[in-house]
């Protein structure tokens, strides 16, 4: 690998580290406000709300 490839790889690794940190912090925050499984519970809740909204619109 040349130095450009190494710099690009290092840049990607830095981005991954940053995103992992952000996700961990978000997951911890969600758990502290009542989502028992953090991001997973938030995702399931959002999907359920969207399904309920779609079903309500069908009934109108």
PDB file of N, CA and C in Angstrom:
ATOM      1  N   UNK A   1       0.835  -1.188   0.000  1.00  0.00           N
ATOM      2  CA  UNK A   1       0.000   0.000   0.000  1.00  0.00           C
ATOM      3  C   UNK A   1       0.875   1.246   0.000  1.00  0.00           C
ATOM      4  N   UNK A   2       0.436   2.248  -0.719  1.00  0.00           N
ATOM      5  CA  UNK A   2       1.199   3.490  -0.689  1.00  0.00           C
ATOM      6  C   UNK A   2       0.666   4.403   0.417  1.00  0.00           C
ATOM      7  N   UNK A   3       1.315   5.538   0.587  1.00  0.00           N
ATOM      8  CA  UNK A   3       0.966   6.412   1.706  1.00  0.00           C
ATOM      9  C   UNK A   3      -0.450   6.982   1.575  1.00  0.00           C
ATOM     10  N   UNK A   4      -0.923   7.198   0.354  1.00  0.00           N
ATOM     11  CA  UNK A   4      -2.288   7.700   0.161  1.00  0.00           C
ATOM     12  C   UNK A   4      -3.297   6.667   0.652  1.00  0.00           C
ATOM     13  N   UNK A   5      -3.064   5.401   0.320  1.00  0.00           N
ATOM     14  CA  UNK A   5      -3.944   4.333   0.793  1.00  0.00           C
ATOM     15  C   UNK A   5      -3.919   4.243   2.311  1.00  0.00           C
ATOM     16  N   UNK A   6      -2.740   4.372   2.898  1.00  0.00           N
ATOM     17  CA  UNK A   6      -2.612   4.311   4.355  1.00  0.00           C
ATOM     18  C   UNK A   6      -3.353   5.469   5.023  1.00  0.00           C
ATOM     19  N   UNK A   7      -3.257   6.661   4.438  1.00  0.00           N
ATOM     20  CA  UNK A   7      -3.947   7.837   4.992  1.00  0.00           C
ATOM     21  C   UNK A   7      -5.456   7.652   4.884  1.00  0.00           C
ATOM     22  N   UNK A   8      -5.905   7.126   3.754  1.00  0.00           N
ATOM     23  CA  UNK A   8      -7.336   6.898   3.558  1.00  0.00           C
ATOM     24  C   UNK A   8      -7.846   5.849   4.545  1.00  0.00           C
ATOM     25  N   UNK A   9      -7.095   4.788   4.711  1.00  0.00           N
ATOM     26  CA  UNK A   9      -7.471   3.744   5.664  1.00  0.00           C
ATOM     27  C   UNK A   9      -7.509   4.301   7.084  1.00  0.00           C
ATOM     28  N   UNK A  10      -6.545   5.094   7.444  1.00  0.00           N
ATOM     29  CA  UNK A  10      -6.521   5.705   8.773  1.00  0.00           C
ATOM     30  C   UNK A  10      -7.725   6.618   8.958  1.00  0.00           C
ATOM     31  N   UNK A  11      -8.082   7.347   7.910  1.00  0.00           N
ATOM     32  CA  UNK A  11      -9.258   8.224   7.967  1.00  0.00           C
ATOM     33  C   UNK A  11     -10.534   7.416   8.198  1.00  0.00           C
ATOM     34  N   UNK A  12     -10.657   6.304   7.488  1.00  0.00           N
ATOM     35  CA  UNK A  12     -11.835   5.446   7.658  1.00  0.00           C
ATOM     36  C   UNK A  12     -11.884   4.841   9.066  1.00  0.00           C
ATOM     37  N   UNK A  13     -10.740   4.432   9.574  1.00  0.00           N
ATOM     38  CA  UNK A  13     -10.693   3.869  10.927  1.00  0.00           C
ATOM     39  C   UNK A  13     -11.107   4.913  11.962  1.00  0.00           C
ATOM     40  N   UNK A  14     -10.686   6.158  11.766  1.00  0.00           N
ATOM     41  CA  UNK A  14     -11.072   7.241  12.668  1.00  0.00           C
ATOM     42  C   UNK A  14     -12.576   7.465  12.623  1.00  0.00           C
ATOM     43  N   UNK A  15     -13.150   7.452  11.431  1.00  0.00           N
ATOM     44  CA  UNK A  15     -14.605   7.618  11.295  1.00  0.00           C
ATOM     45  C   UNK A  15     -15.360   6.487  11.995  1.00  0.00           C
ATOM     46  N   UNK A  16     -14.881   5.263  11.820  1.00  0.00           N
ATOM     47  CA  UNK A  16     -15.516   4.113  12.468  1.00  0.00           C
ATOM     48  C   UNK A  16     -15.471   4.264  13.977  1.00  0.00           C
ATOM     49  N   UNK A  17     -14.311   4.637  14.500  1.00  0.00           N
ATOM     50  CA  UNK A  17     -14.181   4.837  15.946  1.00  0.00           C
ATOM     51  C   UNK A  17     -15.162   5.893  16.450  1.00  0.00           C
ATOM     52  N   UNK A  18     -15.256   6.990  15.702  1.00  0.00           N
ATOM     53  CA  UNK A  18     -16.172   8.070  16.091  1.00  0.00           C
ATOM     54  C   UNK A  18     -17.625   7.586  16.084  1.00  0.00           C
ATOM     55  N   UNK A  19     -18.015   6.889  15.030  1.00  0.00           N
ATOM     56  CA  UNK A  19     -19.390   6.403  14.925  1.00  0.00           C
ATOM     57  C   UNK A  19     -19.711   5.368  15.998  1.00  0.00           C
ATOM     58  N   UNK A  20     -18.758   4.501  16.306  1.00  0.00           N
ATOM     59  CA  UNK A  20     -18.973   3.517  17.367  1.00  0.00           C
ATOM     60  C   UNK A  20     -19.171   4.216  18.710  1.00  0.00           C
ATOM     61  N   UNK A  21     -18.391   5.252  18.966  1.00  0.00           N
ATOM     62  CA  UNK A  21     -18.528   6.011  20.204  1.00  0.00           C
ATOM     63  C   UNK A  21     -19.892   6.685  20.273  1.00  0.00           C
ATOM     64  N   UNK A  22     -20.299   7.313  19.181  1.00  0.00           N
ATOM     65  CA  UNK A  22     -21.605   7.978  19.141  1.00  0.00           C
ATOM     66  C   UNK A  22     -22.740   6.983  19.368  1.00  0.00           C
ATOM     67  N   UNK A  23     -22.653   5.826  18.735  1.00  0.00           N
ATOM     68  CA  UNK A  23     -23.694   4.813  18.875  1.00  0.00           C
ATOM     69  C   UNK A  23     -23.762   4.297  20.309  1.00  0.00           C
ATOM     70  N   UNK A  24     -22.613   4.076  20.909  1.00  0.00           N
ATOM     71  CA  UNK A  24     -22.574   3.618  22.298  1.00  0.00           C
ATOM     72  C   UNK A  24     -23.179   4.663  23.229  1.00  0.00           C
ATOM     73  N   UNK A  25     -22.839   5.926  23.012  1.00  0.00           N
ATOM     74  CA  UNK A  25     -23.395   6.993  23.846  1.00  0.00           C
ATOM     75  C   UNK A  25     -24.901   7.106  23.664  1.00  0.00           C
ATOM     76  N   UNK A  26     -25.377   7.009  22.425  1.00  0.00           N
ATOM     77  CA  UNK A  26     -26.808   7.055  22.161  1.00  0.00           C
ATOM     78  C   UNK A  26     -27.518   5.879  22.811  1.00  0.00           C
ATOM     79  N   UNK A  27     -26.942   4.693  22.700  1.00  0.00           N
ATOM     80  CA  UNK A  27     -27.528   3.505  23.296  1.00  0.00           C
ATOM     81  C   UNK A  27     -27.636   3.667  24.811  1.00  0.00           C
ATOM     82  N   UNK A  28     -26.588   4.160  25.441  1.00  0.00           N
ATOM     83  CA  UNK A  28     -26.606   4.394  26.892  1.00  0.00           C
ATOM     84  C   UNK A  28     -27.675   5.414  27.272  1.00  0.00           C
ATOM     85  N   UNK A  29     -27.779   6.484  26.506  1.00  0.00           N
ATOM     86  CA  UNK A  29     -28.774   7.526  26.769  1.00  0.00           C
ATOM     87  C   UNK A  29     -30.191   6.971  26.649  1.00  0.00           C
ATOM     88  N   UNK A  30     -30.443   6.205  25.604  1.00  0.00           N
ATOM     89  CA  UNK A  30     -31.765   5.616  25.410  1.00  0.00           C
ATOM     90  C   UNK A  30     -32.121   4.668  26.551  1.00  0.00           C
ATOM     91  N   UNK A  31     -31.168   3.878  27.007  1.00  0.00           N
ATOM     92  CA  UNK A  31     -31.414   2.977  28.138  1.00  0.00           C
ATOM     93  C   UNK A  31     -31.754   3.772  29.394  1.00  0.00           C
ATOM     94  N   UNK A  32     -31.095   4.911  29.580  1.00  0.00           N
ATOM     95  CA  UNK A  32     -31.325   5.707  30.787  1.00  0.00           C
ATOM     96  C   UNK A  32     -32.683   6.400  30.777  1.00  0.00           C
ATOM     97  N   UNK A  33     -33.295   6.584  29.596  1.00  0.00           N
ATOM     98  CA  UNK A  33     -34.610   7.230  29.535  1.00  0.00           C
ATOM     99  C   UNK A  33     -35.749   6.248  29.309  1.00  0.00           C
ATOM    100  N   UNK A  34     -35.457   4.950  29.424  1.00  0.00           N
ATOM    101  CA  UNK A  34     -36.550   3.994  29.418  1.00  0.00           C
ATOM    102  C   UNK A  34     -36.643   3.014  28.274  1.00  0.00           C
ATOM    103  N   UNK A  35     -35.693   3.026  27.357  1.00  0.00           N
ATOM    104  CA  UNK A  35     -35.688   2.024  26.300  1.00  0.00           C
ATOM    105  C   UNK A  35     -34.792   0.885  26.786  1.00  0.00           C
ATOM    106  N   UNK A  36     -35.381  -0.218  27.251  1.00  0.00           N
ATOM    107  CA  UNK A  36     -34.607  -1.253  27.943  1.00  0.00           C
ATOM    108  C   UNK A  36     -33.461  -1.862  27.132  1.00  0.00           C
ATOM    109  N   UNK A  37     -33.598  -1.919  25.826  1.00  0.00           N
ATOM    110  CA  UNK A  37     -32.516  -2.466  24.997  1.00  0.00           C
ATOM    111  C   UNK A  37     -31.897  -1.390  24.113  1.00  0.00           C
ATOM    112  N   UNK A  38     -32.025  -0.149  24.531  1.00  0.00           N
ATOM    113  CA  UNK A  38     -31.392   0.962  23.836  1.00  0.00           C
ATOM    114  C   UNK A  38     -31.862   1.144  22.413  1.00  0.00           C
ATOM    115  N   UNK A  39     -30.901   1.221  21.504  1.00  0.00           N
ATOM    116  CA  UNK A  39     -31.190   1.485  20.094  1.00  0.00           C
ATOM    117  C   UNK A  39     -32.143   0.439  19.518  1.00  0.00           C
ATOM    118  N   UNK A  40     -31.961  -0.802  19.896  1.00  0.00           N
ATOM    119  CA  UNK A  40     -32.823  -1.872  19.381  1.00  0.00           C
ATOM    120  C   UNK A  40     -34.282  -1.614  19.750  1.00  0.00           C
ATOM    121  N   UNK A  41     -34.534  -1.245  21.004  1.00  0.00           N
ATOM    122  CA  UNK A  41     -35.895  -0.969  21.442  1.00  0.00           C
ATOM    123  C   UNK A  41     -36.456   0.264  20.734  1.00  0.00           C
ATOM    124  N   UNK A  42     -35.624   1.277  20.548  1.00  0.00           N
ATOM    125  CA  UNK A  42     -36.060   2.481  19.838  1.00  0.00           C
ATOM    126  C   UNK A  42     -36.472   2.139  18.412  1.00  0.00           C
ATOM    127  N   UNK A  43     -35.670   1.330  17.742  1.00  0.00           N
ATOM    128  CA  UNK A  43     -35.969   0.926  16.366  1.00  0.00           C
ATOM    129  C   UNK A  43     -37.296   0.171  16.297  1.00  0.00           C
ATOM    130  N   UNK A  44     -37.485  -0.773  17.205  1.00  0.00           N
ATOM    131  CA  UNK A  44     -38.728  -1.547  17.224  1.00  0.00           C
ATOM    132  C   UNK A  44     -39.928  -0.649  17.496  1.00  0.00           C
ATOM    133  N   UNK A  45     -39.777   0.304  18.397  1.00  0.00           N
ATOM    134  CA  UNK A  45     -40.854   1.227  18.724  1.00  0.00           C
ATOM    135  C   UNK A  45     -41.211   2.088  17.519  1.00  0.00           C
ATOM    136  N   UNK A  46     -40.206   2.611  16.840  1.00  0.00           N
ATOM    137  CA  UNK A  46     -40.447   3.438  15.661  1.00  0.00           C
ATOM    138  C   UNK A  46     -41.145   2.642  14.562  1.00  0.00           C
ATOM    139  N   UNK A  47     -40.710   1.399  14.339  1.00  0.00           N
ATOM    140  CA  UNK A  47     -41.351   0.560  13.325  1.00  0.00           C
ATOM    141  C   UNK A  47     -42.806   0.282  13.684  1.00  0.00           C
ATOM    142  N   UNK A  48     -43.078   0.053  14.957  1.00  0.00           N
ATOM    143  CA  UNK A  48     -44.446  -0.202  15.397  1.00  0.00           C
ATOM    144  C   UNK A  48     -45.317   1.031  15.199  1.00  0.00           C
ATOM    145  N   UNK A  49     -44.799   2.195  15.527  1.00  0.00           N
ATOM    146  CA  UNK A  49     -45.551   3.431  15.319  1.00  0.00           C
ATOM    147  C   UNK A  49     -45.867   3.650  13.843  1.00  0.00           C
ATOM    148  N   UNK A  50     -44.908   3.367  12.983  1.00  0.00           N
ATOM    149  CA  UNK A  50     -45.142   3.515  11.545  1.00  0.00           C
ATOM    150  C   UNK A  50     -46.199   2.530  11.046  1.00  0.00           C
ATOM    151  N   UNK A  51     -46.156   1.282  11.545  1.00  0.00           N
ATOM    152  CA  UNK A  51     -47.181   0.302  11.160  1.00  0.00           C
ATOM    153  C   UNK A  51     -48.561   0.753  11.625  1.00  0.00           C
ATOM    154  N   UNK A  52     -48.646   1.214  12.860  1.00  0.00           N
ATOM    155  CA  UNK A  52     -49.935   1.662  13.390  1.00  0.00           C
ATOM    156  C   UNK A  52     -50.466   2.849  12.596  1.00  0.00           C
ATOM    157  N   UNK A  53     -49.582   3.768  12.221  1.00  0.00           N
ATOM    158  CA  UNK A  53     -49.992   4.924  11.434  1.00  0.00           C
ATOM    159  C   UNK A  53     -50.495   4.493  10.059  1.00  0.00           C
ATOM    160  N   UNK A  54     -49.807   3.546   9.431  1.00  0.00           N
ATOM    161  CA  UNK A  54     -50.220   3.053   8.110  1.00  0.00           C
ATOM    162  C   UNK A  54     -51.571   2.355   8.207  1.00  0.00           C
ATOM    163  N   UNK A  55     -51.776   1.592   9.270  1.00  0.00           N
ATOM    164  CA  UNK A  55     -53.057   0.902   9.452  1.00  0.00           C
ATOM    165  C   UNK A  55     -54.180   1.911   9.702  1.00  0.00           C
ATOM    166  N   UNK A  56     -53.918   2.944  10.461  1.00  0.00           N
ATOM    167  CA  UNK A  56     -54.924   3.974  10.733  1.00  0.00           C
ATOM    168  C   UNK A  56     -55.304   4.699   9.448  1.00  0.00           C
ATOM    169  N   UNK A  57     -54.338   4.968   8.592  1.00  0.00           N
ATOM    170  CA  UNK A  57     -54.619   5.637   7.325  1.00  0.00           C
ATOM    171  C   UNK A  57     -55.444   4.769   6.391  1.00  0.00           C
ATOM    172  N   UNK A  58     -55.263   3.453   6.464  1.00  0.00           N
ATOM    173  CA  UNK A  58     -56.042   2.532   5.635  1.00  0.00           C
ATOM    174  C   UNK A  58     -57.516   2.558   6.026  1.00  0.00           C
ATOM    175  N   UNK A  59     -57.778   2.787   7.323  1.00  0.00           N
ATOM    176  CA  UNK A  59     -59.152   2.772   7.824  1.00  0.00           C
ATOM    177  C   UNK A  59     -59.914   4.043   7.484  1.00  0.00           C
ATOM    178  N   UNK A  60     -59.209   5.072   7.112  1.00  0.00           N
ATOM    179  CA  UNK A  60     -59.860   6.361   6.813  1.00  0.00           C
ATOM    180  C   UNK A  60     -60.463   6.360   5.433  1.00  0.00           C
TER     181      UNK A  60
END
